[in-house]
Amino acid sequence: MHGVASAPPDATAFEATLAGLEALAGELQPRHQRLARRARVIAQSSELRERELMKLASWANALDARLRERGLAPSAAAFAAEASIATFRVAAQRWIEGSADDTLFDLIREGFNDLNRFLQAAAP
């Protein structure tokens, strides 16, 4: 999550997270077809699915650490990191299964908008 660390110092934790995910999406976007093939292989192997989940968990841990470095409280950083990686995972799956015309970052933004609507509806 090197994009988070390179976000401007005055960026909010969410803006920094979005910058990190935007950088990641930019690296992945040109590899859509290769990643779609990779996802099909992973889907057929429980060992590979487990490794993929471990990779995502390590990303969440890295994001958690970056958000703490930016001053977020530990519990807030943990929730933000886990929710952000879950949002990324759902967006990436939609991107892989969808058209190469969709951009991963647009789907990530859409995922955060969906999450925001869910949380606002749940608020008292």
Foldseek 3Di string as FASTA:
>chain_A
DVQLVPPDLPDALVRSLLSVVVVVLVVCLVVLVVVLVVVVVLVVDPVSVVVVVVVLVVQLVVQLVSSVVSPDPNVVSNVVSVLLSVLLVVLSVCCSPDDSPDRSSVSSVVSVVVVVVVVVVVDD
